Amino acid sequence: MRRASLSLLAGLALAGCVETTPPYPAGSGPSPVPSAAPSSGGPSRAGSVSVSDFAAVVSRIEPVAEQECRTRARGANCDFQFVVDRDPSAPSNAYQSLGPDGRPVLTVNAALIADVYNTDELAFVLGHEAAHHISGHIARTQETAMTGALLGGVLIAAIGGDPNSVRTAQDIGASVGARTYSKSYELEADQLGTIIAYRAGYDPLRGAEFFTRIPDPGDRFLGSHPPNTQRIETVRRTMSTL
């Protein structure tokens, strides 16, 4: 159980639109987002959004996300930190993690900033990642992963498996447990992310067009993300209530 929980859970983070990147080597991690004036335009092609535009989006998303956090997740740490990973070799990615003090950290790398077509897409991505924290998805994922590891180990031990077999079963059980509700969590984050982006003054329907350009994970068994069409429909359905 200890090995499974350490190997899978110690560095757990939640991906937004693409797969999660590995931990950063010492000295090469993300840097805090600089302050900037609000963006005055709405770029509509890849490469048009800059880090300064990102900072302007943060200035509008952050207070809304923190208010939603205080309202929906009483007692949670709602002091969001937004950072930019400037590693040029890192694949396009955004994800939520927790700092050593439990502070929610929302990381977006330079490749994703270059991929989005406009600030509405960027605002939706940030709202989505903030929603993961507000909904407690890391803790919920850890809980199901540890339950899966425990059940896997117990089952193999019960049929006389050796220690190596038990550890392997724990690792597999933890992996399966972590993915059990991951698609549901992504759709929950899309729904609340839509609300956050909308209340910050952005157009989530335009923002969700980002899903039309990224690889579609399809509806794979134990896949980590739902089909892109399902995510877009979640945004549309949520917007119809706002």
C-alpha atoms as a PDB file:
ATOM      1  CA  MET A   1       0.000   0.000   0.000  1.00  0.00           C
ATOM      2  CA  ARG A   2       2.771   2.429   0.902  1.00  0.00           C
ATOM      3  CA  ARG A   3       4.615   1.898  -2.378  1.00  0.00           C
ATOM      4  CA  ALA A   4       1.468   2.324  -4.463  1.00  0.00           C
ATOM      5  CA  SER A   5       0.388   5.478  -2.693  1.00  0.00           C
ATOM      6  CA  LEU A   6       3.836   7.038  -2.916  1.00  0.00           C
ATOM      7  CA  SER A   7       4.470   6.175  -6.547  1.00  0.00           C
ATOM      8  CA  LEU A   8       1.121   7.379  -7.841  1.00  0.00           C
ATOM      9  CA  LEU A   9      -0.102  10.006  -5.418  1.00  0.00           C
ATOM     10  CA  ALA A  10       2.886  12.014  -4.231  1.00  0.00           C
ATOM     11  CA  GLY A  11       3.081  14.108  -7.389  1.00  0.00           C
ATOM     12  CA  LEU A  12      -0.582  13.934  -8.390  1.00  0.00           C
ATOM     13  CA  ALA A  13      -1.895  16.853 -10.440  1.00  0.00           C
ATOM     14  CA  LEU A  14      -4.988  17.291 -12.543  1.00  0.00           C
ATOM     15  CA  ALA A  15      -4.678  17.971 -16.240  1.00  0.00           C
ATOM     16  CA  GLY A  16      -7.062  20.281 -18.016  1.00  0.00           C
ATOM     17  CA  CYS A  17      -6.920  19.889 -21.761  1.00  0.00           C
ATOM     18  CA  VAL A  18      -3.951  17.618 -22.343  1.00  0.00           C
ATOM     19  CA  GLU A  19      -1.860  15.162 -20.364  1.00  0.00           C
ATOM     20  CA  THR A  20       0.033  16.227 -17.285  1.00  0.00           C
ATOM     21  CA  THR A  21       3.722  17.032 -17.498  1.00  0.00           C
ATOM     22  CA  PRO A  22       6.228  15.445 -15.080  1.00  0.00           C
ATOM     23  CA  PRO A  23       7.671  17.343 -12.089  1.00  0.00           C
ATOM     24  CA  TYR A  24      10.183  20.086 -12.845  1.00  0.00           C
ATOM     25  CA  PRO A  25      13.930  19.612 -12.339  1.00  0.00           C
ATOM     26  CA  ALA A  26      15.424  21.871  -9.690  1.00  0.00           C
ATOM     27  CA  GLY A  27      15.714  25.437 -10.933  1.00  0.00           C
ATOM     28  CA  SER A  28      13.692  24.887 -14.106  1.00  0.00           C
ATOM     29  CA  GLY A  29      10.147  25.098 -12.786  1.00  0.00           C
ATOM     30  CA  PRO A  30       7.388  27.554 -13.597  1.00  0.00           C
ATOM     31  CA  SER A  31       7.544  31.210 -12.695  1.00  0.00           C
ATOM     32  CA  PRO A  32       4.771  33.412 -11.259  1.00  0.00           C
ATOM     33  CA  VAL A  33       2.694  35.344 -13.771  1.00  0.00           C
ATOM     34  CA  PRO A  34       3.796  38.987 -14.017  1.00  0.00           C
ATOM     35  CA  SER A  35       1.276  41.785 -13.570  1.00  0.00           C
ATOM     36  CA  ALA A  36      -0.073  43.425 -16.692  1.00  0.00           C
ATOM     37  CA  ALA A  37      -2.801  45.738 -17.909  1.00  0.00           C
ATOM     38  CA  PRO A  38      -6.024  44.127 -19.208  1.00  0.00           C
ATOM     39  CA  SER A  39      -5.898  42.955 -22.785  1.00  0.00           C
ATOM     40  CA  SER A  40      -7.680  45.252 -25.201  1.00  0.00           C
ATOM     41  CA  GLY A  41      -8.185  42.822 -28.045  1.00  0.00           C
ATOM     42  CA  GLY A  42      -9.387  39.333 -28.894  1.00  0.00           C
ATOM     43  CA  PRO A  43      -6.757  37.562 -31.003  1.00  0.00           C
ATOM     44  CA  SER A  44      -8.145  34.814 -33.230  1.00  0.00           C
ATOM     45  CA  ARG A  45      -5.164  32.797 -34.397  1.00  0.00           C
ATOM     46  CA  ALA A  46      -2.480  30.636 -32.816  1.00  0.00           C
ATOM     47  CA  GLY A  47       0.455  32.603 -31.483  1.00  0.00           C
ATOM     48  CA  SER A  48      -1.535  35.803 -31.009  1.00  0.00           C
ATOM     49  CA  VAL A  49      -1.831  35.501 -27.227  1.00  0.00           C
ATOM     50  CA  SER A  50       1.221  36.566 -25.261  1.00  0.00           C
ATOM     51  CA  VAL A  51       2.321  36.039 -21.677  1.00  0.00           C
ATOM     52  CA  SER A  52       1.227  39.633 -21.014  1.00  0.00           C
ATOM     53  CA  ASP A  53      -2.240  38.775 -22.345  1.00  0.00           C
ATOM     54  CA  PHE A  54      -2.199  35.770 -20.038  1.00  0.00           C
ATOM     55  CA  ALA A  55      -1.461  38.002 -17.065  1.00  0.00           C
ATOM     56  CA  ALA A  56      -4.381  40.237 -18.016  1.00  0.00           C
ATOM     57  CA  VAL A  57      -6.696  37.226 -18.171  1.00  0.00           C
ATOM     58  CA  VAL A  58      -5.449  36.126 -14.741  1.00  0.00           C
ATOM     59  CA  SER A  59      -6.295  39.566 -13.315  1.00  0.00           C
ATOM     60  CA  ARG A  60      -9.941  38.978 -14.258  1.00  0.00           C
ATOM     61  CA  ILE A  61     -10.212  35.232 -13.610  1.00  0.00           C
ATOM     62  CA  GLU A  62      -8.489  35.193 -10.225  1.00  0.00           C
ATOM     63  CA  PRO A  63     -11.020  37.224  -8.171  1.00  0.00           C
ATOM     64  CA  VAL A  64     -13.962  35.318  -9.675  1.00  0.00           C
ATOM     65  CA  ALA A  65     -12.317  31.939  -9.055  1.00  0.00           C
ATOM     66  CA  GLU A  66     -11.484  32.886  -5.477  1.00  0.00           C
ATOM     67  CA  GLN A  67     -15.037  34.063  -4.834  1.00  0.00           C
ATOM     68  CA  GLU A  68     -16.472  30.818  -6.254  1.00  0.00           C
ATOM     69  CA  CYS A  69     -14.004  28.892  -4.111  1.00  0.00           C
ATOM     70  CA  ARG A  70     -15.009  30.686  -0.917  1.00  0.00           C
ATOM     71  CA  THR A  71     -18.689  30.148  -1.731  1.00  0.00           C
ATOM     72  CA  ARG A  72     -18.548  26.526  -2.847  1.00  0.00           C
ATOM     73  CA  ALA A  73     -15.623  25.080  -0.884  1.00  0.00           C
ATOM     74  CA  ARG A  74     -15.789  26.551   2.584  1.00  0.00           C
ATOM     75  CA  GLY A  75     -12.600  26.014   4.532  1.00  0.00           C
ATOM     76  CA  ALA A  76     -10.500  25.373   1.405  1.00  0.00           C
ATOM     77  CA  ASN A  77      -7.394  27.370   0.536  1.00  0.00           C
ATOM     78  CA  CYS A  78      -8.689  29.792  -2.104  1.00  0.00           C
ATOM     79  CA  ASP A  79      -5.489  31.784  -2.602  1.00  0.00           C
ATOM     80  CA  PHE A  80      -4.789  30.746  -6.187  1.00  0.00           C
ATOM     81  CA  GLN A  81      -1.286  31.082  -7.593  1.00  0.00           C
ATOM     82  CA  PHE A  82      -0.984  31.318 -11.385  1.00  0.00           C
ATOM     83  CA  VAL A  83       2.347  30.374 -12.920  1.00  0.00           C
ATOM     84  CA  VAL A  84       3.816  30.072 -16.392  1.00  0.00           C
ATOM     85  CA  ASP A  85       6.138  27.210 -17.284  1.00  0.00           C
ATOM     86  CA  ARG A  86       8.546  28.710 -19.807  1.00  0.00           C
ATOM     87  CA  ASP A  87      10.313  25.425 -20.650  1.00  0.00           C
ATOM     88  CA  PRO A  88      10.430  25.486 -24.478  1.00  0.00           C
ATOM     89  CA  SER A  89      10.553  21.683 -24.668  1.00  0.00           C
ATOM     90  CA  ALA A  90       7.392  21.101 -22.603  1.00  0.00           C
ATOM     91  CA  PRO A  91       4.300  19.986 -24.563  1.00  0.00           C
ATOM     92  CA  SER A  92       1.165  22.135 -24.551  1.00  0.00           C
ATOM     93  CA  ASN A  93      -0.362  21.746 -21.101  1.00  0.00           C
ATOM     94  CA  ALA A  94      -2.307  23.300 -18.234  1.00  0.00           C
ATOM     95  CA  TYR A  95      -2.939  21.663 -14.883  1.00  0.00           C
ATOM     96  CA  GLN A  96      -3.803  22.207 -11.243  1.00  0.00           C
ATOM     97  CA  SER A  97      -1.622  21.089  -8.366  1.00  0.00           C
ATOM     98  CA  LEU A  98      -1.090  21.911  -4.693  1.00  0.00           C
ATOM     99  CA  GLY A  99       1.928  23.641  -3.218  1.00  0.00           C
ATOM    100  CA  PRO A 100       3.682  22.359  -0.074  1.00  0.00           C
ATOM    101  CA  ASP A 101       1.445  24.613   2.020  1.00  0.00           C
ATOM    102  CA  GLY A 102      -1.732  23.426   0.298  1.00  0.00           C
ATOM    103  CA  ARG A 103      -2.025  26.524  -1.856  1.00  0.00           C
ATOM    104  CA  PRO A 104      -3.704  25.792  -5.218  1.00  0.00           C
ATOM    105  CA  VAL A 105      -1.308  26.310  -8.127  1.00  0.00           C
ATOM    106  CA  LEU A 106      -2.569  26.678 -11.700  1.00  0.00           C
ATOM    107  CA  THR A 107       0.183  26.146 -14.246  1.00  0.00           C
ATOM    108  CA  VAL A 108       0.048  26.921 -17.956  1.00  0.00           C
ATOM    109  CA  ASN A 109       3.088  26.468 -20.151  1.00  0.00           C
ATOM    110  CA  ALA A 110       4.329  28.602 -23.003  1.00  0.00           C
ATOM    111  CA  ALA A 111       3.297  26.037 -25.620  1.00  0.00           C
ATOM    112  CA  LEU A 112      -0.350  26.194 -24.583  1.00  0.00           C
ATOM    113  CA  ILE A 113      -0.308  29.991 -24.585  1.00  0.00           C
ATOM    114  CA  ALA A 114       1.019  29.803 -28.137  1.00  0.00           C
ATOM    115  CA  ASP A 115      -1.708  27.299 -29.102  1.00  0.00           C
ATOM    116  CA  VAL A 116      -4.786  29.243 -27.999  1.00  0.00           C
ATOM    117  CA  TYR A 117      -6.424  31.516 -30.550  1.00  0.00           C
ATOM    118  CA  ASN A 118      -7.798  34.177 -28.199  1.00  0.00           C
ATOM    119  CA  THR A 119      -8.179  35.243 -24.590  1.00  0.00           C
ATOM    120  CA  ASP A 120     -11.605  33.561 -24.347  1.00  0.00           C
ATOM    121  CA  GLU A 121      -9.925  30.182 -24.855  1.00  0.00           C
ATOM    122  CA  LEU A 122      -7.269  31.019 -22.299  1.00  0.00           C
ATOM    123  CA  ALA A 123      -9.855  32.199 -19.787  1.00  0.00           C
ATOM    124  CA  PHE A 124     -11.827  28.983 -20.210  1.00  0.00           C
ATOM    125  CA  VAL A 125      -8.702  26.865 -19.612  1.00  0.00           C
ATOM    126  CA  LEU A 126      -7.885  28.810 -16.437  1.00  0.00           C
ATOM    127  CA  GLY A 127     -11.469  28.614 -15.212  1.00  0.00           C
ATOM    128  CA  HIS A 128     -11.437  24.869 -15.823  1.00  0.00           C
ATOM    129  CA  GLU A 129      -8.241  24.371 -13.822  1.00  0.00           C
ATOM    130  CA  ALA A 130      -9.510  26.549 -10.964  1.00  0.00           C
ATOM    131  CA  ALA A 131     -12.685  24.457 -10.938  1.00  0.00           C
ATOM    132  CA  HIS A 132     -10.654  21.296 -10.309  1.00  0.00           C
ATOM    133  CA  HIS A 133      -9.444  22.764  -7.035  1.00  0.00           C
ATOM    134  CA  ILE A 134     -12.817  24.172  -6.003  1.00  0.00           C
ATOM    135  CA  SER A 135     -14.386  20.752  -6.581  1.00  0.00           C
ATOM    136  CA  GLY A 136     -11.677  18.985  -4.564  1.00  0.00           C
ATOM    137  CA  HIS A 137     -10.707  16.696  -7.426  1.00  0.00           C
ATOM    138  CA  ILE A 138      -7.147  15.991  -6.283  1.00  0.00           C
ATOM    139  CA  ALA A 139      -8.294  14.761  -2.862  1.00  0.00           C
ATOM    140  CA  ARG A 140     -11.124  12.750  -4.406  1.00  0.00           C
ATOM    141  CA  THR A 141      -8.764  11.166  -6.914  1.00  0.00           C
ATOM    142  CA  GLN A 142      -6.270  10.298  -4.188  1.00  0.00           C
ATOM    143  CA  GLU A 143      -9.032   8.637  -2.182  1.00  0.00           C
ATOM    144  CA  THR A 144     -10.202   6.406  -5.041  1.00  0.00           C
ATOM    145  CA  ALA A 145      -6.594   5.592  -5.973  1.00  0.00           C
ATOM    146  CA  MET A 146      -5.762   4.485  -2.451  1.00  0.00           C
ATOM    147  CA  THR A 147      -8.951   2.443  -2.261  1.00  0.00           C
ATOM    148  CA  GLY A 148      -8.031   0.746  -5.541  1.00  0.00           C
ATOM    149  CA  ALA A 149      -4.512   0.022  -4.277  1.00  0.00           C
ATOM    150  CA  LEU A 150      -5.845  -1.475  -1.066  1.00  0.00           C
ATOM    151  CA  LEU A 151      -8.388  -3.689  -2.820  1.00  0.00           C
ATOM    152  CA  GLY A 152      -5.861  -4.838  -5.425  1.00  0.00           C
ATOM    153  CA  GLY A 153      -3.324  -5.798  -2.775  1.00  0.00           C
ATOM    154  CA  VAL A 154      -5.863  -7.567  -0.574  1.00  0.00           C
ATOM    155  CA  LEU A 155      -7.264  -9.625  -3.449  1.00  0.00           C
ATOM    156  CA  ILE A 156      -3.870 -10.847  -4.617  1.00  0.00           C
ATOM    157  CA  ALA A 157      -2.721 -11.549  -1.054  1.00  0.00           C
ATOM    158  CA  ALA A 158      -5.912 -13.530  -0.441  1.00  0.00           C
ATOM    159  CA  ILE A 159      -5.129 -15.936  -3.280  1.00  0.00           C
ATOM    160  CA  GLY A 160      -1.570 -16.447  -2.076  1.00  0.00           C
ATOM    161  CA  GLY A 161       0.313 -13.921  -4.200  1.00  0.00           C
ATOM    162  CA  ASP A 162       3.921 -13.215  -3.329  1.00  0.00           C
ATOM    163  CA  PRO A 163       5.030  -9.731  -2.164  1.00  0.00           C
ATOM    164  CA  ASN A 164       6.008  -8.650  -5.687  1.00  0.00           C
ATOM    165  CA  SER A 165       2.611  -9.670  -7.036  1.00  0.00           C
ATOM    166  CA  VAL A 166       0.882  -7.816  -4.224  1.00  0.00           C
ATOM    167  CA  ARG A 167       2.858  -4.636  -4.937  1.00  0.00           C
ATOM    168  CA  THR A 168       2.090  -4.887  -8.653  1.00  0.00           C
ATOM    169  CA  ALA A 169      -1.602  -5.336  -7.875  1.00  0.00           C
ATOM    170  CA  GLN A 170      -1.479  -2.303  -5.603  1.00  0.00           C
ATOM    171  CA  ASP A 171       0.038  -0.186  -8.371  1.00  0.00           C
ATOM    172  CA  ILE A 172      -2.531  -1.362 -10.904  1.00  0.00           C
ATOM    173  CA  GLY A 173      -5.371  -0.868  -8.427  1.00  0.00           C
ATOM    174  CA  ALA A 174      -4.193   2.647  -7.653  1.00  0.00           C
ATOM    175  CA  SER A 175      -4.011   3.525 -11.352  1.00  0.00           C
ATOM    176  CA  VAL A 176      -7.486   2.156 -12.027  1.00  0.00           C
ATOM    177  CA  GLY A 177      -8.873   3.885  -8.944  1.00  0.00           C
ATOM    178  CA  ALA A 178      -7.388   7.223  -9.980  1.00  0.00           C
ATOM    179  CA  ARG A 179      -9.082   7.017 -13.382  1.00  0.00           C
ATOM    180  CA  THR A 180     -12.452   5.743 -12.181  1.00  0.00           C
ATOM    181  CA  TYR A 181     -14.068   9.178 -12.007  1.00  0.00           C
ATOM    182  CA  SER A 182     -11.578  11.235 -14.025  1.00  0.00           C
ATOM    183  CA  LYS A 183     -13.960  11.800 -16.954  1.00  0.00           C
ATOM    184  CA  SER A 184     -16.700  12.952 -14.604  1.00  0.00           C
ATOM    185  CA  TYR A 185     -14.263  15.294 -12.891  1.00  0.00           C
ATOM    186  CA  GLU A 186     -13.269  16.824 -16.225  1.00  0.00           C
ATOM    187  CA  LEU A 187     -16.909  17.497 -17.101  1.00  0.00           C
ATOM    188  CA  GLU A 188     -17.523  18.961 -13.632  1.00  0.00           C
ATOM    189  CA  ALA A 189     -14.551  21.270 -14.169  1.00  0.00           C
ATOM    190  CA  ASP A 190     -15.834  22.230 -17.623  1.00  0.00           C
ATOM    191  CA  GLN A 191     -19.197  23.171 -16.116  1.00  0.00           C
ATOM    192  CA  LEU A 192     -17.813  25.287 -13.275  1.00  0.00           C
ATOM    193  CA  GLY A 193     -15.036  26.615 -15.508  1.00  0.00           C
ATOM    194  CA  THR A 194     -17.718  27.912 -17.859  1.00  0.00           C
ATOM    195  CA  ILE A 195     -19.343  29.803 -14.994  1.00  0.00           C
ATOM    196  CA  ILE A 196     -16.020  31.277 -13.855  1.00  0.00           C
ATOM    197  CA  ALA A 197     -15.017  32.422 -17.340  1.00  0.00           C
ATOM    198  CA  TYR A 198     -18.475  33.880 -17.996  1.00  0.00           C
ATOM    199  CA  ARG A 199     -18.555  35.806 -14.722  1.00  0.00           C
ATOM    200  CA  ALA A 200     -15.074  37.154 -15.471  1.00  0.00           C
ATOM    201  CA  GLY A 201     -16.432  38.685 -18.677  1.00  0.00           C
ATOM    202  CA  TYR A 202     -15.296  36.101 -21.246  1.00  0.00           C
ATOM    203  CA  ASP A 203     -17.216  34.024 -23.791  1.00  0.00           C
ATOM    204  CA  PRO A 204     -16.994  30.336 -22.790  1.00  0.00           C
ATOM    205  CA  LEU A 205     -18.618  29.185 -26.036  1.00  0.00           C
ATOM    206  CA  ARG A 206     -15.833  30.832 -27.968  1.00  0.00           C
ATOM    207  CA  GLY A 207     -13.379  29.510 -25.398  1.00  0.00           C
ATOM    208  CA  ALA A 208     -14.579  25.934 -25.848  1.00  0.00           C
ATOM    209  CA  GLU A 209     -13.616  26.074 -29.524  1.00  0.00           C
ATOM    210  CA  PHE A 210     -10.192  25.078 -28.225  1.00  0.00           C
ATOM    211  CA  PHE A 211     -11.567  21.531 -28.016  1.00  0.00           C
ATOM    212  CA  THR A 212     -12.136  21.485 -31.779  1.00  0.00           C
ATOM    213  CA  ARG A 213      -8.395  21.690 -32.397  1.00  0.00           C
ATOM    214  CA  ILE A 214      -6.844  19.384 -29.817  1.00  0.00           C
ATOM    215  CA  PRO A 215      -6.673  15.572 -30.201  1.00  0.00           C
ATOM    216  CA  ASP A 216      -9.948  13.865 -29.328  1.00  0.00           C
ATOM    217  CA  PRO A 217      -9.415  11.170 -26.650  1.00  0.00           C
ATOM    218  CA  GLY A 218     -12.631   9.453 -27.701  1.00  0.00           C
ATOM    219  CA  ASP A 219     -14.611   7.381 -25.201  1.00  0.00           C
ATOM    220  CA  ARG A 220     -11.904   4.950 -24.096  1.00  0.00           C
ATOM    221  CA  PHE A 221     -12.453   2.647 -21.135  1.00  0.00           C
ATOM    222  CA  LEU A 222     -10.648   4.157 -18.128  1.00  0.00           C
ATOM    223  CA  GLY A 223      -9.503   7.059 -20.292  1.00  0.00           C
ATOM    224  CA  SER A 224      -8.571  10.183 -18.358  1.00  0.00           C
ATOM    225  CA  HIS A 225     -10.624  12.634 -20.443  1.00  0.00           C
ATOM    226  CA  PRO A 226     -14.102  12.499 -22.036  1.00  0.00           C
ATOM    227  CA  PRO A 227     -14.692  13.019 -25.786  1.00  0.00           C
ATOM    228  CA  ASN A 228     -14.268  16.607 -26.945  1.00  0.00           C
ATOM    229  CA  THR A 229     -17.842  16.740 -28.255  1.00  0.00           C
ATOM    230  CA  GLN A 230     -19.135  15.879 -24.795  1.00  0.00           C
ATOM    231  CA  ARG A 231     -17.069  18.659 -23.268  1.00  0.00           C
ATOM    232  CA  ILE A 232     -18.322  21.224 -25.776  1.00  0.00           C
ATOM    233  CA  GLU A 233     -21.914  20.130 -25.126  1.00  0.00           C
ATOM    234  CA  THR A 234     -21.341  20.577 -21.379  1.00  0.00           C
ATOM    235  CA  VAL A 235     -20.255  24.166 -22.002  1.00  0.00           C
ATOM    236  CA  ARG A 236     -23.279  24.826 -24.219  1.00  0.00           C
ATOM    237  CA  ARG A 237     -25.668  23.319 -21.693  1.00  0.00           C
ATOM    238  CA  THR A 238     -24.156  25.343 -18.855  1.00  0.00           C
ATOM    239  CA  MET A 239     -24.289  28.563 -20.858  1.00  0.00           C
ATOM    240  CA  SER A 240     -27.982  28.017 -21.505  1.00  0.00           C
ATOM    241  CA  THR A 241     -28.567  28.418 -17.767  1.00  0.00           C
ATOM    242  CA  LEU A 242     -26.570  31.650 -17.412  1.00  0.00           C
END
